N, C-alpha and C. Protein backbone atom coordinates (compact mmCIF):
# COMPACT_ATOMS: atom_id res chain seq x y z
N MET A 1 146.97 157.08 199.89
CA MET A 1 145.95 158.25 199.06
C MET A 1 147.20 159.53 199.35
N ILE A 2 147.24 160.25 198.21
CA ILE A 2 147.83 160.85 197.98
C ILE A 2 147.57 162.51 198.65
N ASP A 3 148.25 163.25 199.13
CA ASP A 3 147.53 164.39 200.04
C ASP A 3 147.84 165.40 199.85
N VAL A 4 146.69 165.89 198.78
CA VAL A 4 146.97 166.99 198.10
C VAL A 4 146.97 168.41 198.49
N GLU A 5 146.50 168.56 199.08
CA GLU A 5 145.52 169.18 200.48
C GLU A 5 147.08 170.01 201.37
N LYS A 6 147.88 168.94 201.70
CA LYS A 6 148.81 169.24 202.86
C LYS A 6 149.78 170.22 201.90
N VAL A 7 149.72 169.60 200.47
CA VAL A 7 149.97 170.77 199.45
C VAL A 7 149.63 172.06 198.93
N VAL A 8 148.81 172.02 198.60
CA VAL A 8 148.23 173.45 198.68
C VAL A 8 148.02 174.35 199.79
N ALA A 9 147.70 173.22 201.19
CA ALA A 9 148.16 174.48 202.00
C ALA A 9 149.13 174.89 202.53
N ALA A 10 150.38 174.82 201.97
CA ALA A 10 151.83 174.70 202.21
C ALA A 10 151.91 175.82 201.37
N ALA A 11 151.61 176.17 200.12
CA ALA A 11 151.83 176.93 199.06
C ALA A 11 150.71 177.84 198.91
N GLU A 12 149.52 177.71 199.70
CA GLU A 12 148.93 178.82 199.51
C GLU A 12 149.07 180.27 199.70
N SER A 13 150.07 181.06 200.72
CA SER A 13 150.84 182.26 200.84
C SER A 13 151.57 182.81 199.88
N ASP A 14 151.83 181.98 199.18
CA ASP A 14 153.56 182.30 198.66
C ASP A 14 153.73 181.74 196.62
N ALA A 15 152.08 181.21 196.57
CA ALA A 15 152.20 180.32 194.93
C ALA A 15 152.38 181.57 194.70
N ALA A 16 151.33 182.26 194.52
CA ALA A 16 151.85 183.71 193.27
C ALA A 16 153.32 184.39 192.85
N GLN A 17 154.22 184.67 194.54
CA GLN A 17 155.28 184.39 193.58
C GLN A 17 156.09 183.74 193.45
N TRP A 18 155.82 182.68 193.53
CA TRP A 18 156.11 181.43 193.19
C TRP A 18 156.78 181.51 191.53
N ASP A 19 155.04 181.99 190.93
CA ASP A 19 154.95 181.15 190.32
C ASP A 19 155.66 182.96 188.77
N ARG A 20 156.38 183.90 189.06
CA ARG A 20 156.73 184.97 189.19
C ARG A 20 158.71 184.31 188.93
N THR A 21 158.56 183.57 190.46
CA THR A 21 160.35 183.55 190.11
C THR A 21 160.39 182.23 190.75
N CYS A 22 160.66 181.82 191.54
CA CYS A 22 160.91 179.84 190.91
C CYS A 22 159.96 178.82 192.72
N LEU A 23 159.70 177.78 191.97
CA LEU A 23 159.54 177.26 193.06
C LEU A 23 160.60 177.34 193.96
N PRO A 24 160.48 176.78 195.41
CA PRO A 24 161.48 176.40 196.06
C PRO A 24 161.69 174.84 196.65
N ASP A 25 162.96 174.95 196.97
CA ASP A 25 163.10 173.31 196.76
C ASP A 25 162.76 172.37 198.35
N GLU A 26 161.75 173.54 199.22
CA GLU A 26 160.91 172.50 200.72
C GLU A 26 159.62 172.33 199.78
N MET A 27 159.43 172.98 198.80
CA MET A 27 158.61 172.43 197.71
C MET A 27 158.42 171.60 197.18
N ILE A 28 159.30 171.58 196.76
CA ILE A 28 159.42 169.94 195.69
C ILE A 28 159.97 169.09 196.75
N THR A 29 160.57 169.30 197.99
CA THR A 29 160.60 167.92 198.41
C THR A 29 159.47 167.35 199.07
N LEU A 30 158.05 168.51 199.49
CA LEU A 30 156.92 168.61 200.25
C LEU A 30 156.15 167.16 199.65
N ALA A 31 155.98 167.65 197.86
CA ALA A 31 155.81 166.83 196.36
C ALA A 31 156.01 165.41 196.73
N ALA A 32 157.23 165.26 196.90
CA ALA A 32 157.88 164.01 196.19
C ALA A 32 157.43 163.19 198.77
N ARG A 33 157.21 163.84 199.71
CA ARG A 33 157.46 163.23 200.74
C ARG A 33 155.78 162.69 200.60
N THR A 34 155.29 163.66 199.95
CA THR A 34 153.33 163.37 199.56
C THR A 34 153.21 162.72 198.28
N GLY A 35 153.87 161.85 197.53
CA GLY A 35 153.47 160.83 196.91
C GLY A 35 153.15 161.57 195.07
N LEU A 36 153.50 163.11 194.93
CA LEU A 36 153.41 164.08 193.98
C LEU A 36 153.89 163.58 192.73
N LEU A 37 154.50 162.67 193.47
CA LEU A 37 156.47 162.77 191.77
C LEU A 37 155.71 161.57 191.12
N GLY A 38 155.64 161.40 190.68
CA GLY A 38 155.52 160.24 189.70
C GLY A 38 154.06 159.10 190.24
N ALA A 39 153.49 160.25 190.58
CA ALA A 39 151.67 159.20 191.13
C ALA A 39 151.44 158.43 190.54
N ASP A 40 151.53 158.41 189.06
CA ASP A 40 150.52 157.25 188.13
C ASP A 40 151.31 156.65 188.17
N ARG A 41 153.14 155.86 188.95
CA ARG A 41 153.55 155.20 187.97
C ARG A 41 153.35 153.62 188.83
N PRO A 42 153.86 153.21 188.13
CA PRO A 42 153.72 151.64 189.54
C PRO A 42 153.81 151.73 191.37
N VAL A 43 153.47 151.07 191.43
CA VAL A 43 153.61 150.57 193.04
C VAL A 43 155.10 150.69 192.97
N THR A 44 155.81 149.52 192.32
CA THR A 44 157.09 149.00 192.42
C THR A 44 158.10 149.43 192.15
N PHE A 45 157.90 150.77 191.97
CA PHE A 45 158.93 151.91 191.09
C PHE A 45 158.21 153.35 191.82
N GLY A 46 157.41 152.89 193.42
CA GLY A 46 157.46 153.90 194.16
C GLY A 46 156.15 155.11 194.13
N GLY A 47 156.11 154.32 192.75
CA GLY A 47 154.39 155.46 192.99
C GLY A 47 153.02 155.15 193.26
N ALA A 48 152.34 155.96 192.88
CA ALA A 48 150.73 155.84 193.66
C ALA A 48 150.48 154.31 192.62
N GLY A 49 150.51 153.91 191.13
CA GLY A 49 149.88 153.46 190.32
C GLY A 49 148.07 154.75 190.57
N LEU A 50 148.22 155.27 189.96
CA LEU A 50 147.31 156.47 190.47
C LEU A 50 146.51 156.48 188.14
N ASP A 51 146.17 156.27 187.78
CA ASP A 51 145.33 156.31 186.87
C ASP A 51 145.48 158.25 186.14
N ALA A 52 144.70 157.78 185.07
CA ALA A 52 144.73 159.06 183.97
C ALA A 52 144.22 160.37 185.41
N ARG A 53 142.83 159.78 184.94
CA ARG A 53 141.57 160.31 185.99
C ARG A 53 142.07 161.37 187.04
N GLU A 54 142.55 160.08 187.71
CA GLU A 54 142.81 160.64 189.42
C GLU A 54 143.98 161.73 189.05
N LEU A 55 145.20 161.53 188.37
CA LEU A 55 145.75 161.99 187.69
C LEU A 55 146.02 163.22 187.56
N GLY A 56 144.48 163.22 187.43
CA GLY A 56 144.34 164.96 186.27
C GLY A 56 143.30 166.15 186.66
N ARG A 57 142.93 165.34 188.14
CA ARG A 57 142.12 165.58 188.99
C ARG A 57 143.10 166.26 190.12
N ILE A 58 144.55 166.27 190.47
CA ILE A 58 145.02 166.26 191.59
C ILE A 58 146.07 167.65 190.53
N ALA A 59 146.44 167.42 189.09
CA ALA A 59 146.69 168.55 187.80
C ALA A 59 145.49 169.05 188.43
N ALA A 60 144.24 169.50 188.46
CA ALA A 60 143.51 170.69 188.65
C ALA A 60 143.53 171.29 189.48
N THR A 61 143.64 170.57 190.96
CA THR A 61 143.44 171.00 192.12
C THR A 61 144.66 171.87 192.34
N LEU A 62 145.94 171.41 191.74
CA LEU A 62 147.16 172.49 192.36
C LEU A 62 146.99 173.08 191.13
N GLY A 63 146.71 173.21 189.70
CA GLY A 63 146.51 174.46 189.18
C GLY A 63 145.81 175.02 189.27
N GLU A 64 144.00 175.01 190.79
CA GLU A 64 143.57 176.26 190.83
C GLU A 64 144.56 177.20 192.38
N HIS A 65 145.59 176.28 192.99
CA HIS A 65 146.19 177.16 193.40
C HIS A 65 147.45 177.42 193.00
N CYS A 66 148.40 176.81 192.39
CA CYS A 66 149.68 176.82 191.94
C CYS A 66 150.19 176.51 191.61
N THR A 67 150.18 177.76 189.67
CA THR A 67 150.97 176.47 188.57
C THR A 67 152.05 176.38 188.38
N SER A 68 152.81 177.08 189.32
CA SER A 68 154.28 176.26 189.28
C SER A 68 153.79 175.08 190.13
N LEU A 69 153.28 174.45 190.92
CA LEU A 69 153.52 172.98 191.14
C LEU A 69 152.32 171.84 190.63
N ARG A 70 151.37 172.38 189.55
CA ARG A 70 151.00 172.27 188.36
C ARG A 70 152.05 171.53 187.72
N SER A 71 152.93 172.64 187.11
CA SER A 71 153.92 172.41 186.31
C SER A 71 155.16 171.32 186.46
N LEU A 72 155.50 171.52 187.62
CA LEU A 72 156.45 170.35 188.52
C LEU A 72 155.90 168.94 188.21
N VAL A 73 154.65 169.31 188.49
CA VAL A 73 153.58 167.23 188.83
C VAL A 73 153.64 167.17 187.12
N THR A 74 153.43 167.71 186.35
CA THR A 74 153.06 167.26 184.80
C THR A 74 153.95 167.12 184.61
N VAL A 75 155.43 168.13 184.32
CA VAL A 75 156.36 167.57 183.35
C VAL A 75 157.32 166.64 183.67
N HIS A 76 157.65 166.89 185.46
CA HIS A 76 158.03 165.36 185.72
C HIS A 76 157.27 164.22 185.74
N GLY A 77 156.07 164.45 185.41
CA GLY A 77 155.11 163.08 185.40
C GLY A 77 155.91 162.11 183.57
N MET A 78 155.71 163.87 183.30
CA MET A 78 155.46 163.24 181.77
C MET A 78 156.72 162.28 181.01
N VAL A 79 158.24 163.04 182.48
CA VAL A 79 158.95 162.08 182.28
C VAL A 79 159.18 160.84 182.30
N ALA A 80 158.93 160.67 183.79
CA ALA A 80 158.67 159.25 183.91
C ALA A 80 157.89 158.35 183.65
N ALA A 81 156.39 159.01 182.85
CA ALA A 81 155.74 157.99 181.98
C ALA A 81 156.37 157.45 180.67
N ALA A 82 157.50 158.60 180.48
CA ALA A 82 158.08 157.95 178.83
C ALA A 82 159.13 157.03 179.30
N LEU A 83 159.75 157.11 180.59
CA LEU A 83 160.87 155.99 180.89
C LEU A 83 160.23 155.17 180.81
N ASP A 84 159.01 155.34 181.83
CA ASP A 84 158.33 153.93 181.94
C ASP A 84 158.08 152.93 181.07
N ARG A 85 157.50 154.28 179.92
CA ARG A 85 156.63 153.63 178.45
C ARG A 85 157.76 153.11 177.77
N TRP A 86 159.45 153.24 177.54
CA TRP A 86 160.72 153.19 176.47
C TRP A 86 161.84 152.86 176.95
N GLY A 87 162.14 153.39 178.14
CA GLY A 87 163.32 152.49 178.85
C GLY A 87 163.14 151.33 179.06
N THR A 88 164.64 151.01 178.93
CA THR A 88 164.89 150.01 179.63
C THR A 88 164.61 149.12 180.71
N ALA A 89 164.62 147.87 180.79
CA ALA A 89 164.15 147.76 182.12
C ALA A 89 165.64 148.06 183.27
N ALA A 90 166.56 148.06 182.79
CA ALA A 90 167.81 148.73 183.69
C ALA A 90 167.38 150.23 183.92
N GLN A 91 166.79 151.03 183.22
CA GLN A 91 166.55 152.67 183.29
C GLN A 91 165.19 152.75 184.17
N ARG A 92 164.46 152.18 183.88
CA ARG A 92 162.95 151.62 184.81
C ARG A 92 163.33 151.76 185.93
N ARG A 93 164.90 150.26 186.24
CA ARG A 93 164.85 150.18 187.42
C ARG A 93 165.91 151.60 188.30
N ASP A 94 166.65 152.25 187.84
CA ASP A 94 167.89 153.07 188.48
C ASP A 94 167.28 154.10 188.56
N TRP A 95 166.04 154.44 187.36
CA TRP A 95 165.69 156.15 187.40
C TRP A 95 164.24 156.25 187.90
N LEU A 96 163.26 155.21 187.92
CA LEU A 96 161.96 155.42 188.13
C LEU A 96 161.78 155.25 189.93
N PRO A 97 162.49 155.37 190.73
CA PRO A 97 162.48 154.97 192.06
C PRO A 97 162.66 156.29 192.52
N ARG A 98 164.22 156.78 191.97
CA ARG A 98 164.90 158.11 191.94
C ARG A 98 164.12 159.62 192.03
N LEU A 99 162.56 159.28 190.84
CA LEU A 99 161.83 160.08 190.34
C LEU A 99 161.03 160.32 191.20
N THR A 100 160.21 159.50 191.53
CA THR A 100 159.01 159.03 192.62
C THR A 100 159.57 159.63 193.87
N ALA A 101 161.20 159.76 194.35
CA ALA A 101 161.26 159.75 195.59
C ALA A 101 161.87 161.37 196.14
N GLY A 102 161.54 161.40 194.53
CA GLY A 102 162.65 163.57 194.03
C GLY A 102 163.50 163.59 194.90
N GLU A 103 164.50 162.14 194.70
CA GLU A 103 165.81 162.13 194.53
C GLU A 103 166.49 162.79 193.29
N VAL A 104 166.37 163.35 192.25
CA VAL A 104 166.32 164.50 191.38
C VAL A 104 164.97 164.29 190.65
N VAL A 105 164.74 165.55 190.24
CA VAL A 105 163.94 166.13 189.35
C VAL A 105 164.16 166.48 188.19
N ALA A 106 163.42 166.40 186.61
CA ALA A 106 163.16 166.18 185.36
C ALA A 106 162.44 167.20 184.25
N ALA A 107 163.31 166.91 183.44
CA ALA A 107 162.69 168.16 182.89
C ALA A 107 162.39 167.21 181.76
N LEU A 108 162.78 168.43 180.48
CA LEU A 108 162.17 168.03 179.35
C LEU A 108 161.86 169.04 177.98
N ALA A 109 162.70 168.59 176.85
CA ALA A 109 162.37 169.55 175.85
C ALA A 109 162.25 169.74 174.55
N ALA A 110 161.33 169.97 173.97
CA ALA A 110 160.84 169.51 172.28
C ALA A 110 161.32 170.35 171.20
N THR A 111 161.24 170.32 170.31
CA THR A 111 161.94 170.62 169.49
C THR A 111 160.69 170.11 168.17
N GLU A 112 160.85 170.62 166.95
CA GLU A 112 160.12 170.79 165.32
C GLU A 112 161.21 171.03 165.01
N ALA A 113 161.29 169.55 163.57
CA ALA A 113 162.08 170.11 162.63
C ALA A 113 161.50 170.74 161.60
N GLY A 114 162.34 171.80 161.00
CA GLY A 114 161.77 172.77 159.99
C GLY A 114 161.37 173.61 160.78
N VAL A 115 161.40 174.38 161.74
CA VAL A 115 160.29 175.48 162.91
C VAL A 115 161.61 176.27 163.09
N GLY A 116 161.26 177.59 163.10
CA GLY A 116 162.16 178.79 162.97
C GLY A 116 163.19 179.27 161.86
N PRO A 117 163.78 179.83 162.37
CA PRO A 117 164.97 180.47 160.74
C PRO A 117 165.72 179.20 160.48
N THR A 118 165.84 179.53 159.53
CA THR A 118 166.70 178.36 158.92
C THR A 118 168.64 178.79 158.17
């Protein structure tokens, strides 16, 4: 089982500051070590194989204490999920274990055609 409370306890005193500035590398490392990064990815790729309901509970718990941690887990997980669903077998094999281990941290950017100044 993923130890969300360990991460929450570590974040408790500084979470508000991190939400204003940035999340320290140590917290990203702790999130990876406790299984939060890629928790819903298959065990074969280093994840915990959680379902959406379990992942939602984790996100809610994190969000109650530190928005930055919740955002890290959510966005990192979205990228891992997209890679798992639409990536090639080689991409999944190369990237998913690194993502779930926290060796790399994922981010994403989204745009909409036709939105904004022309």
